[in-house]
Protein backbone atom coordinates (compact mmCIF):
# COMPACT_ATOMS: atom_id res chain seq x y z
CA UNK A 1 13.57 -41.19 25.00
CA UNK A 2 16.69 -39.88 23.33
CA UNK A 3 19.63 -38.41 25.26
CA UNK A 4 19.13 -35.07 23.48
CA UNK A 5 15.56 -34.92 24.79
CA UNK A 6 16.74 -35.69 28.32
CA UNK A 7 19.31 -32.90 28.21
CA UNK A 8 16.74 -30.40 26.99
CA UNK A 9 14.22 -31.56 29.58
CA UNK A 10 11.65 -32.77 27.06
CA UNK A 11 9.12 -35.12 28.48
CA UNK A 12 8.38 -38.56 27.15
CA UNK A 13 5.18 -38.97 25.12
CA UNK A 14 2.30 -39.78 27.50
CA UNK A 15 1.18 -43.39 27.58
CA UNK A 16 -2.12 -44.22 25.97
CA UNK A 17 -4.59 -46.57 27.64
CA UNK A 18 -3.65 -49.09 24.95
CA UNK A 19 0.02 -48.84 26.02
CA UNK A 20 -0.93 -49.28 29.68
CA UNK A 21 -3.13 -52.29 28.98
CA UNK A 22 -0.39 -53.88 26.88
CA UNK A 23 2.17 -53.34 29.66
CA UNK A 24 -0.10 -54.99 32.24
CA UNK A 25 -0.71 -57.96 29.92
CA UNK A 26 3.06 -58.28 29.35
CA UNK A 27 3.71 -58.26 33.10
CA UNK A 28 1.15 -61.00 33.66
CA UNK A 29 2.70 -63.09 30.89
CA UNK A 30 6.17 -62.69 32.40
CA UNK A 31 5.16 -63.25 36.02
CA UNK A 32 3.04 -66.40 35.82
CA UNK A 33 5.33 -69.45 35.86
CA UNK A 34 3.03 -71.91 34.05
CA UNK A 35 0.19 -72.20 31.54
CA UNK A 36 -2.90 -70.17 32.40
CA UNK A 37 -6.24 -69.39 30.80
CA UNK A 38 -7.24 -66.24 32.69
CA UNK A 39 -5.42 -63.86 35.01
CA UNK A 40 -6.17 -60.60 36.76
CA UNK A 41 -4.65 -57.81 38.77
CA UNK A 42 -6.98 -55.93 41.09
CA UNK A 43 -5.83 -52.51 42.31
CA UNK A 44 -7.28 -50.61 45.26
CA UNK A 45 -6.02 -47.04 44.89
CA UNK A 46 -5.30 -44.81 47.89
CA UNK A 47 -3.64 -41.41 48.15
CA UNK A 48 0.02 -42.06 47.37
CA UNK A 49 -0.16 -45.87 47.30
CA UNK A 50 -2.20 -48.89 46.27
CA UNK A 51 -2.99 -52.46 47.25
CA UNK A 52 -2.94 -55.25 44.68
CA UNK A 53 -4.30 -58.78 44.31
CA UNK A 54 -2.82 -61.09 41.68
CA UNK A 55 -4.66 -64.24 40.58
CA UNK A 56 -4.71 -66.67 37.66
CA UNK A 57 -6.55 -69.81 36.58
CA UNK A 58 -4.79 -72.89 35.17
CA UNK A 59 -6.20 -74.74 32.14
CA UNK A 60 -7.17 -77.90 34.06
CA UNK A 61 -8.43 -76.16 37.19
CA UNK A 62 -11.02 -73.47 37.96
CA UNK A 63 -9.61 -72.54 41.37
CA UNK A 64 -7.76 -69.20 41.20
CA UNK A 65 -4.07 -69.31 42.15
CA UNK A 66 -2.31 -66.23 43.57
CA UNK A 67 0.87 -64.97 41.94
CA UNK A 68 1.89 -62.25 44.42
CA UNK A 69 5.50 -63.42 44.76
CA UNK A 70 6.01 -63.70 41.00
CA UNK A 71 4.54 -60.21 40.46
CA UNK A 72 6.63 -58.49 43.16
CA UNK A 73 9.57 -57.64 40.82
CA UNK A 74 7.08 -55.70 38.67
CA UNK A 75 5.25 -53.85 41.47
CA UNK A 76 6.68 -50.44 40.53
CA UNK A 77 5.55 -50.80 36.91
CA UNK A 78 2.17 -52.13 38.02
CA UNK A 79 1.62 -49.17 40.35
CA UNK A 80 2.68 -46.67 37.67
CA UNK A 81 0.41 -48.33 35.12
CA UNK A 82 -2.71 -48.22 37.31
CA UNK A 83 -1.90 -44.67 38.43
CA UNK A 84 -1.51 -43.55 34.79
CA UNK A 85 -4.77 -45.30 33.87
CA UNK A 86 -6.57 -43.46 36.67
CA UNK A 87 -5.04 -40.11 35.69
CA UNK A 88 -6.12 -40.66 32.08
CA UNK A 89 -9.71 -41.07 33.30
CA UNK A 90 -9.60 -37.85 35.30
CA UNK A 91 -7.97 -35.90 32.45
CA UNK A 92 -10.74 -37.00 30.10
CA UNK A 93 -13.39 -35.66 32.50
CA UNK A 94 -14.46 -39.01 33.94
CA UNK A 95 -14.66 -39.59 37.70
CA UNK A 96 -11.64 -41.13 39.42
CA UNK A 97 -12.27 -44.78 40.17
CA UNK A 98 -11.20 -46.27 43.50
CA UNK A 99 -10.53 -49.81 42.27
CA UNK A 100 -9.78 -51.39 38.93
CA UNK A 101 -9.40 -55.00 37.89
CA UNK A 102 -7.44 -55.78 34.72
CA UNK A 103 -8.57 -59.21 33.50
CA UNK A 104 -6.79 -60.90 30.60
CA UNK A 105 -7.28 -64.25 28.89
CA UNK A 106 -4.37 -66.23 27.50
CA UNK A 107 -5.63 -65.52 23.96
CA UNK A 108 -5.05 -61.79 24.54
CA UNK A 109 -8.62 -60.66 25.14
CA UNK A 110 -8.97 -58.37 28.11
CA UNK A 111 -11.43 -56.26 30.05
CA UNK A 112 -11.02 -53.66 32.78
CA UNK A 113 -13.65 -53.36 35.50
CA UNK A 114 -13.82 -50.16 37.56
CA UNK A 115 -15.21 -49.59 41.04
CA UNK A 116 -16.19 -46.18 42.36
CA UNK A 117 -17.04 -46.98 45.99
């Protein structure tokens, strides 16, 4: 956002779902300290806060490894991203989901799974 826009009180362009997904993939790539084949962030949304699980799988192992400590510097961005994703659903007339899992493979493919219970 430009300084002129800040002074005039103009808002930043809303994030698209594509922007949000890209940001989450970037965070995963920055947070995991070694090679990985698949990683995910699961969010449980509550009023005013959320709980997160962070896991990844290494190339030579199928046992998921947590990356909570490595993700903690990004927790604000992660919360904002999941909150914006949820708001985008509601604004488009879809029901608000209670949980979402962003799953990404090291080749860039991703999927988002939503839970409504």
